[in-house]
PDB file of N, CA and C in Angstrom:
ATOM      1  N   MET A   1     -35.365 -11.194  98.330  1.00  0.00           N
ATOM      2  CA  MET A   1     -36.408 -10.789  99.316  1.00  0.00           C
ATOM      3  C   MET A   1     -37.617 -10.417  98.641  1.00  0.00           C
ATOM      4  N   LEU A   2     -37.553  -9.864  97.405  1.00  0.00           N
ATOM      5  CA  LEU A   2     -38.775  -9.476  96.717  1.00  0.00           C
ATOM      6  C   LEU A   2     -39.659 -10.619  96.428  1.00  0.00           C
ATOM      7  N   LYS A   3     -38.981 -11.792  96.005  1.00  0.00           N
ATOM      8  CA  LYS A   3     -39.766 -12.991  95.666  1.00  0.00           C
ATOM      9  C   LYS A   3     -40.510 -13.490  97.002  1.00  0.00           C
ATOM     10  N   TYR A   4     -39.811 -13.578  98.076  1.00  0.00           N
ATOM     11  CA  TYR A   4     -40.317 -14.161  99.313  1.00  0.00           C
ATOM     12  C   TYR A   4     -41.290 -13.284 100.042  1.00  0.00           C
ATOM     13  N   ASN A   5     -41.363 -12.010  99.705  1.00  0.00           N
ATOM     14  CA  ASN A   5     -42.413 -11.062 100.260  1.00  0.00           C
ATOM     15  C   ASN A   5     -43.525 -10.822  99.283  1.00  0.00           C
ATOM     16  N   ASN A   6     -43.539 -11.627  98.199  1.00  0.00           N
ATOM     17  CA  ASN A   6     -44.627 -11.483  97.139  1.00  0.00           C
ATOM     18  C   ASN A   6     -44.709 -10.038  96.534  1.00  0.00           C
ATOM     19  N   ILE A   7     -43.586  -9.406  96.367  1.00  0.00           N
ATOM     20  CA  ILE A   7     -43.446  -8.144  95.700  1.00  0.00           C
ATOM     21  C   ILE A   7     -43.160  -8.217  94.288  1.00  0.00           C
ATOM     22  N   ALA A   8     -42.500  -9.270  93.820  1.00  0.00           N
ATOM     23  CA  ALA A   8     -42.076  -9.367  92.406  1.00  0.00           C
ATOM     24  C   ALA A   8     -42.149 -10.761  91.967  1.00  0.00           C
ATOM     25  N   THR A   9     -42.398 -10.935  90.705  1.00  0.00           N
ATOM     26  CA  THR A   9     -42.338 -12.247  90.041  1.00  0.00           C
ATOM     27  C   THR A   9     -40.969 -12.380  89.441  1.00  0.00           C
ATOM     28  N   VAL A  10     -40.208 -13.464  89.764  1.00  0.00           N
ATOM     29  CA  VAL A  10     -38.853 -13.643  89.322  1.00  0.00           C
ATOM     30  C   VAL A  10     -38.862 -14.557  88.111  1.00  0.00           C
ATOM     31  N   VAL A  11     -38.185 -14.096  87.037  1.00  0.00           N
ATOM     32  CA  VAL A  11     -38.089 -14.932  85.806  1.00  0.00           C
ATOM     33  C   VAL A  11     -36.541 -15.005  85.514  1.00  0.00           C
ATOM     34  N   GLY A  12     -36.061 -16.189  85.127  1.00  0.00           N
ATOM     35  CA  GLY A  12     -34.611 -16.337  84.769  1.00  0.00           C
ATOM     36  C   GLY A  12     -34.196 -17.766  85.145  1.00  0.00           C
ATOM     37  N   GLU A  13     -33.013 -17.816  85.667  1.00  0.00           N
ATOM     38  CA  GLU A  13     -32.353 -19.062  86.043  1.00  0.00           C
ATOM     39  C   GLU A  13     -32.197 -19.090  87.575  1.00  0.00           C
ATOM     40  N   ALA A  14     -32.054 -20.283  88.109  1.00  0.00           N
ATOM     41  CA  ALA A  14     -31.809 -20.352  89.552  1.00  0.00           C
ATOM     42  C   ALA A  14     -30.384 -19.792  89.861  1.00  0.00           C
ATOM     43  N   THR A  15     -30.252 -19.260  91.036  1.00  0.00           N
ATOM     44  CA  THR A  15     -28.970 -18.786  91.487  1.00  0.00           C
ATOM     45  C   THR A  15     -28.421 -19.868  92.334  1.00  0.00           C
ATOM     46  N   MET A  16     -27.134 -19.678  92.722  1.00  0.00           N
ATOM     47  CA  MET A  16     -26.479 -20.622  93.623  1.00  0.00           C
ATOM     48  C   MET A  16     -26.181 -20.041  95.009  1.00  0.00           C
ATOM     49  N   GLY A  17     -26.725 -18.876  95.318  1.00  0.00           N
ATOM     50  CA  GLY A  17     -26.496 -18.267  96.527  1.00  0.00           C
ATOM     51  C   GLY A  17     -26.192 -16.813  96.433  1.00  0.00           C
ATOM     52  N   VAL A  18     -26.059 -16.196  97.596  1.00  0.00           N
ATOM     53  CA  VAL A  18     -25.706 -14.752  97.730  1.00  0.00           C
ATOM     54  C   VAL A  18     -24.278 -14.505  97.295  1.00  0.00           C
ATOM     55  N   PHE A  19     -23.411 -15.391  97.704  1.00  0.00           N
ATOM     56  CA  PHE A  19     -21.969 -15.121  97.531  1.00  0.00           C
ATOM     57  C   PHE A  19     -21.464 -15.838  96.309  1.00  0.00           C
ATOM     58  N   GLY A  20     -20.179 -15.792  96.117  1.00  0.00           N
ATOM     59  CA  GLY A  20     -19.630 -16.579  94.961  1.00  0.00           C
ATOM     60  C   GLY A  20     -18.537 -15.778  94.259  1.00  0.00           C
ATOM     61  N   THR A  21     -18.610 -14.478  94.134  1.00  0.00           N
ATOM     62  CA  THR A  21     -17.610 -13.770  93.408  1.00  0.00           C
ATOM     63  C   THR A  21     -16.409 -13.308  94.318  1.00  0.00           C
ATOM     64  N   GLY A  22     -16.639 -13.207  95.611  1.00  0.00           N
ATOM     65  CA  GLY A  22     -15.589 -12.728  96.421  1.00  0.00           C
ATOM     66  C   GLY A  22     -15.416 -11.253  96.406  1.00  0.00           C
ATOM     67  N   ALA A  23     -16.184 -10.513  95.589  1.00  0.00           N
ATOM     68  CA  ALA A  23     -16.033  -9.046  95.459  1.00  0.00           C
ATOM     69  C   ALA A  23     -17.163  -8.258  96.174  1.00  0.00           C
ATOM     70  N   ASP A  24     -17.915  -8.972  97.041  1.00  0.00           N
ATOM     71  CA  ASP A  24     -18.996  -8.291  97.728  1.00  0.00           C
ATOM     72  C   ASP A  24     -18.475  -7.760  99.020  1.00  0.00           C
ATOM     73  N   PRO A  25     -19.228  -6.774  99.684  1.00  0.00           N
ATOM     74  CA  PRO A  25     -18.731  -6.272 100.921  1.00  0.00           C
ATOM     75  C   PRO A  25     -18.873  -7.197 102.103  1.00  0.00           C
ATOM     76  N   PHE A  26     -19.524  -8.304 101.941  1.00  0.00           N
ATOM     77  CA  PHE A  26     -19.728  -9.229 103.007  1.00  0.00           C
ATOM     78  C   PHE A  26     -18.721 -10.371 103.002  1.00  0.00           C
ATOM     79  N   THR A  27     -17.664 -10.254 102.198  1.00  0.00           N
ATOM     80  CA  THR A  27     -16.669 -11.253 102.173  1.00  0.00           C
ATOM     81  C   THR A  27     -15.351 -10.691 102.664  1.00  0.00           C
ATOM     82  N   ALA A  28     -14.737 -11.525 103.523  1.00  0.00           N
ATOM     83  CA  ALA A  28     -13.379 -11.076 104.086  1.00  0.00           C
ATOM     84  C   ALA A  28     -12.335 -11.926 103.342  1.00  0.00           C
ATOM     85  N   ILE A  29     -11.329 -11.356 102.839  1.00  0.00           N
ATOM     86  CA  ILE A  29     -10.205 -12.045 102.250  1.00  0.00           C
ATOM     87  C   ILE A  29      -8.925 -11.668 102.949  1.00  0.00           C
ATOM     88  N   ILE A  30      -8.237 -12.797 103.453  1.00  0.00           N
ATOM     89  CA  ILE A  30      -7.053 -12.574 104.222  1.00  0.00           C
ATOM     90  C   ILE A  30      -5.943 -13.392 103.591  1.00  0.00           C
ATOM     91  N   SER A  31      -4.780 -12.758 103.247  1.00  0.00           N
ATOM     92  CA  SER A  31      -3.652 -13.471 102.771  1.00  0.00           C
ATOM     93  C   SER A  31      -2.686 -13.747 103.923  1.00  0.00           C
ATOM     94  N   LEU A  32      -2.349 -14.938 104.036  1.00  0.00           N
ATOM     95  CA  LEU A  32      -1.379 -15.377 105.081  1.00  0.00           C
ATOM     96  C   LEU A  32       0.086 -15.101 104.547  1.00  0.00           C
ATOM     97  N   PRO A  33       0.832 -14.309 105.268  1.00  0.00           N
ATOM     98  CA  PRO A  33       2.174 -13.920 104.761  1.00  0.00           C
ATOM     99  C   PRO A  33       3.131 -15.098 104.564  1.00  0.00           C
ATOM    100  N   HIS A  34       3.874 -15.034 103.521  1.00  0.00           N
ATOM    101  CA  HIS A  34       4.920 -15.945 103.200  1.00  0.00           C
ATOM    102  C   HIS A  34       4.478 -17.393 103.026  1.00  0.00           C
ATOM    103  N   THR A  35       3.111 -17.623 102.679  1.00  0.00           N
ATOM    104  CA  THR A  35       2.609 -18.969 102.516  1.00  0.00           C
ATOM    105  C   THR A  35       1.964 -19.126 101.187  1.00  0.00           C
ATOM    106  N   GLY A  36       1.457 -18.099 100.584  1.00  0.00           N
ATOM    107  CA  GLY A  36       0.693 -18.208  99.375  1.00  0.00           C
ATOM    108  C   GLY A  36      -0.729 -18.638  99.608  1.00  0.00           C
ATOM    109  N   ILE A  37      -1.118 -18.686 100.820  1.00  0.00           N
ATOM    110  CA  ILE A  37      -2.482 -19.025 101.195  1.00  0.00           C
ATOM    111  C   ILE A  37      -3.339 -17.884 101.394  1.00  0.00           C
ATOM    112  N   VAL A  38      -4.495 -17.930 100.724  1.00  0.00           N
ATOM    113  CA  VAL A  38      -5.532 -16.844 100.806  1.00  0.00           C
ATOM    114  C   VAL A  38      -6.793 -17.499 101.440  1.00  0.00           C
ATOM    115  N   LEU A  39      -7.297 -16.859 102.504  1.00  0.00           N
ATOM    116  CA  LEU A  39      -8.498 -17.303 103.185  1.00  0.00           C
ATOM    117  C   LEU A  39      -9.636 -16.441 102.669  1.00  0.00           C
ATOM    118  N   ARG A  40     -10.724 -17.005 102.433  1.00  0.00           N
ATOM    119  CA  ARG A  40     -11.988 -16.254 102.050  1.00  0.00           C
ATOM    120  C   ARG A  40     -13.156 -16.794 102.961  1.00  0.00           C
ATOM    121  N   PHE A  41     -13.798 -15.917 103.611  1.00  0.00           N
ATOM    122  CA  PHE A  41     -14.940 -16.318 104.372  1.00  0.00           C
ATOM    123  C   PHE A  41     -16.013 -15.192 104.320  1.00  0.00           C
ATOM    124  N   ASP A  42     -17.227 -15.660 104.463  1.00  0.00           N
ATOM    125  CA  ASP A  42     -18.375 -14.737 104.408  1.00  0.00           C
ATOM    126  C   ASP A  42     -18.661 -14.226 105.846  1.00  0.00           C
ATOM    127  N   THR A  43     -18.898 -12.896 105.885  1.00  0.00           N
ATOM    128  CA  THR A  43     -19.102 -12.286 107.189  1.00  0.00           C
ATOM    129  C   THR A  43     -20.577 -11.999 107.407  1.00  0.00           C
ATOM    130  N   ALA A  44     -21.488 -12.382 106.530  1.00  0.00           N
ATOM    131  CA  ALA A  44     -22.875 -12.226 106.682  1.00  0.00           C
ATOM    132  C   ALA A  44     -23.610 -13.546 106.449  1.00  0.00           C
ATOM    133  N   TYR A  45     -24.807 -13.639 106.935  1.00  0.00           N
ATOM    134  CA  TYR A  45     -25.572 -14.813 106.818  1.00  0.00           C
ATOM    135  C   TYR A  45     -26.987 -14.380 106.423  1.00  0.00           C
ATOM    136  N   PHE A  46     -27.415 -14.730 105.173  1.00  0.00           N
ATOM    137  CA  PHE A  46     -28.715 -14.345 104.701  1.00  0.00           C
ATOM    138  C   PHE A  46     -29.635 -15.565 104.684  1.00  0.00           C
ATOM    139  N   THR A  47     -30.842 -15.391 105.108  1.00  0.00           N
ATOM    140  CA  THR A  47     -31.898 -16.413 105.012  1.00  0.00           C
ATOM    141  C   THR A  47     -33.121 -15.899 104.292  1.00  0.00           C
ATOM    142  N   ASP A  48     -33.957 -16.883 103.874  1.00  0.00           N
ATOM    143  CA  ASP A  48     -35.242 -16.496 103.330  1.00  0.00           C
ATOM    144  C   ASP A  48     -36.265 -16.452 104.417  1.00  0.00           C
ATOM    145  N   THR A  49     -37.530 -16.227 104.083  1.00  0.00           N
ATOM    146  CA  THR A  49     -38.533 -16.060 105.111  1.00  0.00           C
ATOM    147  C   THR A  49     -38.788 -17.388 105.830  1.00  0.00           C
ATOM    148  N   GLU A  50     -38.350 -18.511 105.343  1.00  0.00           N
ATOM    149  CA  GLU A  50     -38.470 -19.795 106.026  1.00  0.00           C
ATOM    150  C   GLU A  50     -37.296 -20.112 106.860  1.00  0.00           C
ATOM    151  N   GLY A  51     -36.325 -19.219 106.877  1.00  0.00           N
ATOM    152  CA  GLY A  51     -35.095 -19.398 107.708  1.00  0.00           C
ATOM    153  C   GLY A  51     -34.012 -20.215 106.996  1.00  0.00           C
ATOM    154  N   ARG A  52     -34.182 -20.570 105.779  1.00  0.00           N
ATOM    155  CA  ARG A  52     -33.204 -21.348 105.026  1.00  0.00           C
ATOM    156  C   ARG A  52     -32.153 -20.427 104.505  1.00  0.00           C
ATOM    157  N   PRO A  53     -30.836 -20.812 104.583  1.00  0.00           N
ATOM    158  CA  PRO A  53     -29.791 -19.966 104.063  1.00  0.00           C
ATOM    159  C   PRO A  53     -29.808 -19.901 102.516  1.00  0.00           C
ATOM    160  N   PHE A  54     -29.612 -18.758 101.905  1.00  0.00           N
ATOM    161  CA  PHE A  54     -29.481 -18.622 100.525  1.00  0.00           C
ATOM    162  C   PHE A  54     -28.298 -19.344  99.924  1.00  0.00           C
ATOM    163  N   GLU A  55     -27.214 -19.257 100.659  1.00  0.00           N
ATOM    164  CA  GLU A  55     -25.960 -19.849 100.212  1.00  0.00           C
ATOM    165  C   GLU A  55     -26.181 -21.373  99.968  1.00  0.00           C
ATOM    166  N   GLY A  56     -25.785 -21.863  98.881  1.00  0.00           N
ATOM    167  CA  GLY A  56     -25.846 -23.266  98.586  1.00  0.00           C
ATOM    168  C   GLY A  56     -27.100 -23.656  97.856  1.00  0.00           C
ATOM    169  N   TYR A  57     -28.260 -23.061  98.033  1.00  0.00           N
ATOM    170  CA  TYR A  57     -29.322 -23.409  97.194  1.00  0.00           C
ATOM    171  C   TYR A  57     -29.937 -22.275  96.425  1.00  0.00           C
ATOM    172  N   GLY A  58     -29.678 -21.008  96.821  1.00  0.00           N
ATOM    173  CA  GLY A  58     -29.999 -19.795  96.028  1.00  0.00           C
ATOM    174  C   GLY A  58     -31.422 -19.517  95.998  1.00  0.00           C
ATOM    175  N   VAL A  59     -31.804 -18.939  94.855  1.00  0.00           N
ATOM    176  CA  VAL A  59     -33.208 -18.545  94.617  1.00  0.00           C
ATOM    177  C   VAL A  59     -33.699 -19.225  93.340  1.00  0.00           C
ATOM    178  N   THR A  60     -34.866 -19.846  93.381  1.00  0.00           N
ATOM    179  CA  THR A  60     -35.484 -20.462  92.258  1.00  0.00           C
ATOM    180  C   THR A  60     -36.494 -19.485  91.661  1.00  0.00           C
ATOM    181  N   PRO A  61     -36.443 -19.162  90.450  1.00  0.00           N
ATOM    182  CA  PRO A  61     -37.401 -18.186  89.843  1.00  0.00           C
ATOM    183  C   PRO A  61     -38.791 -18.778  89.853  1.00  0.00           C
ATOM    184  N   HIS A  62     -39.774 -17.947  89.791  1.00  0.00           N
ATOM    185  CA  HIS A  62     -41.120 -18.358  89.552  1.00  0.00           C
ATOM    186  C   HIS A  62     -41.274 -19.057  88.170  1.00  0.00           C
ATOM    187  N   TYR A  63     -40.688 -18.374  87.233  1.00  0.00           N
ATOM    188  CA  TYR A  63     -40.706 -18.919  85.850  1.00  0.00           C
ATOM    189  C   TYR A  63     -39.297 -18.998  85.334  1.00  0.00           C
ATOM    190  N   PHE A  64     -38.877 -20.130  84.768  1.00  0.00           N
ATOM    191  CA  PHE A  64     -37.599 -20.302  84.135  1.00  0.00           C
ATOM    192  C   PHE A  64     -37.536 -19.747  82.715  1.00  0.00           C
ATOM    193  N   ASN A  65     -36.430 -19.304  82.233  1.00  0.00           N
ATOM    194  CA  ASN A  65     -36.243 -18.888  80.829  1.00  0.00           C
ATOM    195  C   ASN A  65     -36.715 -20.028  79.933  1.00  0.00           C
ATOM    196  N   ARG A  66     -37.298 -19.589  78.870  1.00  0.00           N
ATOM    197  CA  ARG A  66     -37.747 -20.554  77.894  1.00  0.00           C
ATOM    198  C   ARG A  66     -36.448 -20.903  77.017  1.00  0.00           C
ATOM    199  N   PRO A  67     -36.440 -22.060  76.471  1.00  0.00           N
ATOM    200  CA  PRO A  67     -35.230 -22.514  75.660  1.00  0.00           C
ATOM    201  C   PRO A  67     -34.858 -21.450  74.692  1.00  0.00           C
ATOM    202  N   GLY A  68     -33.595 -21.068  74.669  1.00  0.00           N
ATOM    203  CA  GLY A  68     -33.077 -20.154  73.645  1.00  0.00           C
ATOM    204  C   GLY A  68     -33.450 -18.706  73.884  1.00  0.00           C
ATOM    205  N   MET A  69     -34.113 -18.391  75.077  1.00  0.00           N
ATOM    206  CA  MET A  69     -34.536 -17.090  75.425  1.00  0.00           C
ATOM    207  C   MET A  69     -33.885 -16.579  76.656  1.00  0.00           C
ATOM    208  N   ASP A  70     -33.612 -15.305  76.904  1.00  0.00           N
ATOM    209  CA  ASP A  70     -33.199 -14.786  78.177  1.00  0.00           C
ATOM    210  C   ASP A  70     -34.446 -14.351  78.906  1.00  0.00           C
ATOM    211  N   ALA A  71     -34.284 -13.871  80.035  1.00  0.00           N
ATOM    212  CA  ALA A  71     -35.446 -13.478  80.965  1.00  0.00           C
ATOM    213  C   ALA A  71     -36.280 -12.428  80.307  1.00  0.00           C
ATOM    214  N   LEU A  72     -35.780 -11.416  79.666  1.00  0.00           N
ATOM    215  CA  LEU A  72     -36.612 -10.397  79.020  1.00  0.00           C
ATOM    216  C   LEU A  72     -37.418 -11.009  77.919  1.00  0.00           C
ATOM    217  N   GLU A  73     -36.748 -11.818  77.086  1.00  0.00           N
ATOM    218  CA  GLU A  73     -37.478 -12.448  75.920  1.00  0.00           C
ATOM    219  C   GLU A  73     -38.581 -13.319  76.483  1.00  0.00           C
ATOM    220  N   THR A  74     -38.349 -14.071  77.507  1.00  0.00           N
ATOM    221  CA  THR A  74     -39.370 -14.963  78.120  1.00  0.00           C
ATOM    222  C   THR A  74     -40.507 -14.180  78.598  1.00  0.00           C
ATOM    223  N   VAL A  75     -40.314 -13.091  79.349  1.00  0.00           N
ATOM    224  CA  VAL A  75     -41.341 -12.252  79.866  1.00  0.00           C
ATOM    225  C   VAL A  75     -42.209 -11.685  78.653  1.00  0.00           C
ATOM    226  N   LEU A  76     -41.518 -11.120  77.691  1.00  0.00           N
ATOM    227  CA  LEU A  76     -42.223 -10.589  76.561  1.00  0.00           C
ATOM    228  C   LEU A  76     -43.147 -11.647  75.818  1.00  0.00           C
ATOM    229  N   ALA A  77     -42.568 -12.804  75.710  1.00  0.00           N
ATOM    230  CA  ALA A  77     -43.396 -13.902  75.090  1.00  0.00           C
ATOM    231  C   ALA A  77     -44.543 -14.243  75.957  1.00  0.00           C
ATOM    232  N   MET A  78     -44.422 -14.240  77.286  1.00  0.00           N
ATOM    233  CA  MET A  78     -45.504 -14.528  78.197  1.00  0.00           C
ATOM    234  C   MET A  78     -46.529 -13.511  78.161  1.00  0.00           C
ATOM    235  N   ILE A  79     -46.177 -12.285  77.994  1.00  0.00           N
ATOM    236  CA  ILE A  79     -47.165 -11.221  77.912  1.00  0.00           C
ATOM    237  C   ILE A  79     -47.948 -11.313  76.560  1.00  0.00           C
ATOM    238  N   ARG A  80     -47.221 -11.533  75.507  1.00  0.00           N
ATOM    239  CA  ARG A  80     -47.934 -11.697  74.228  1.00  0.00           C
ATOM    240  C   ARG A  80     -48.914 -12.874  74.199  1.00  0.00           C
ATOM    241  N   GLU A  81     -48.518 -13.940  74.949  1.00  0.00           N
ATOM    242  CA  GLU A  81     -49.421 -15.059  75.045  1.00  0.00           C
ATOM    243  C   GLU A  81     -50.468 -14.894  76.107  1.00  0.00           C
ATOM    244  N   GLY A  82     -50.496 -13.841  76.861  1.00  0.00           N
ATOM    245  CA  GLY A  82     -51.488 -13.611  77.845  1.00  0.00           C
ATOM    246  C   GLY A  82     -51.197 -14.344  79.161  1.00  0.00           C
ATOM    247  N   GLU A  83     -50.019 -14.927  79.367  1.00  0.00           N
ATOM    248  CA  GLU A  83     -49.649 -15.575  80.620  1.00  0.00           C
ATOM    249  C   GLU A  83     -49.377 -14.555  81.661  1.00  0.00           C
ATOM    250  N   ARG A  84     -49.574 -15.016  82.863  1.00  0.00           N
ATOM    251  CA  ARG A  84     -49.230 -14.184  84.031  1.00  0.00           C
ATOM    252  C   ARG A  84     -47.973 -14.496  84.568  1.00  0.00           C
TER     253      ARG A  84
END
């Protein structure tokens, strides 16, 4: 939401959505008895300011990491070079 409300500049790699770990509070996990089947489903629905769901396409950063650098290293290099 910080990116889409122009509050922060995002540097890093693209995400693949809000969910994915199954460990968040918006995920319900139900085990069906005597079957070995586990159901996982999301109980929340997040969208960006355009109404597109985050799940499946995620967030694209304003600036991608430079080759061989993580986000912090990329930002520090950009600052040294006078980039915004």
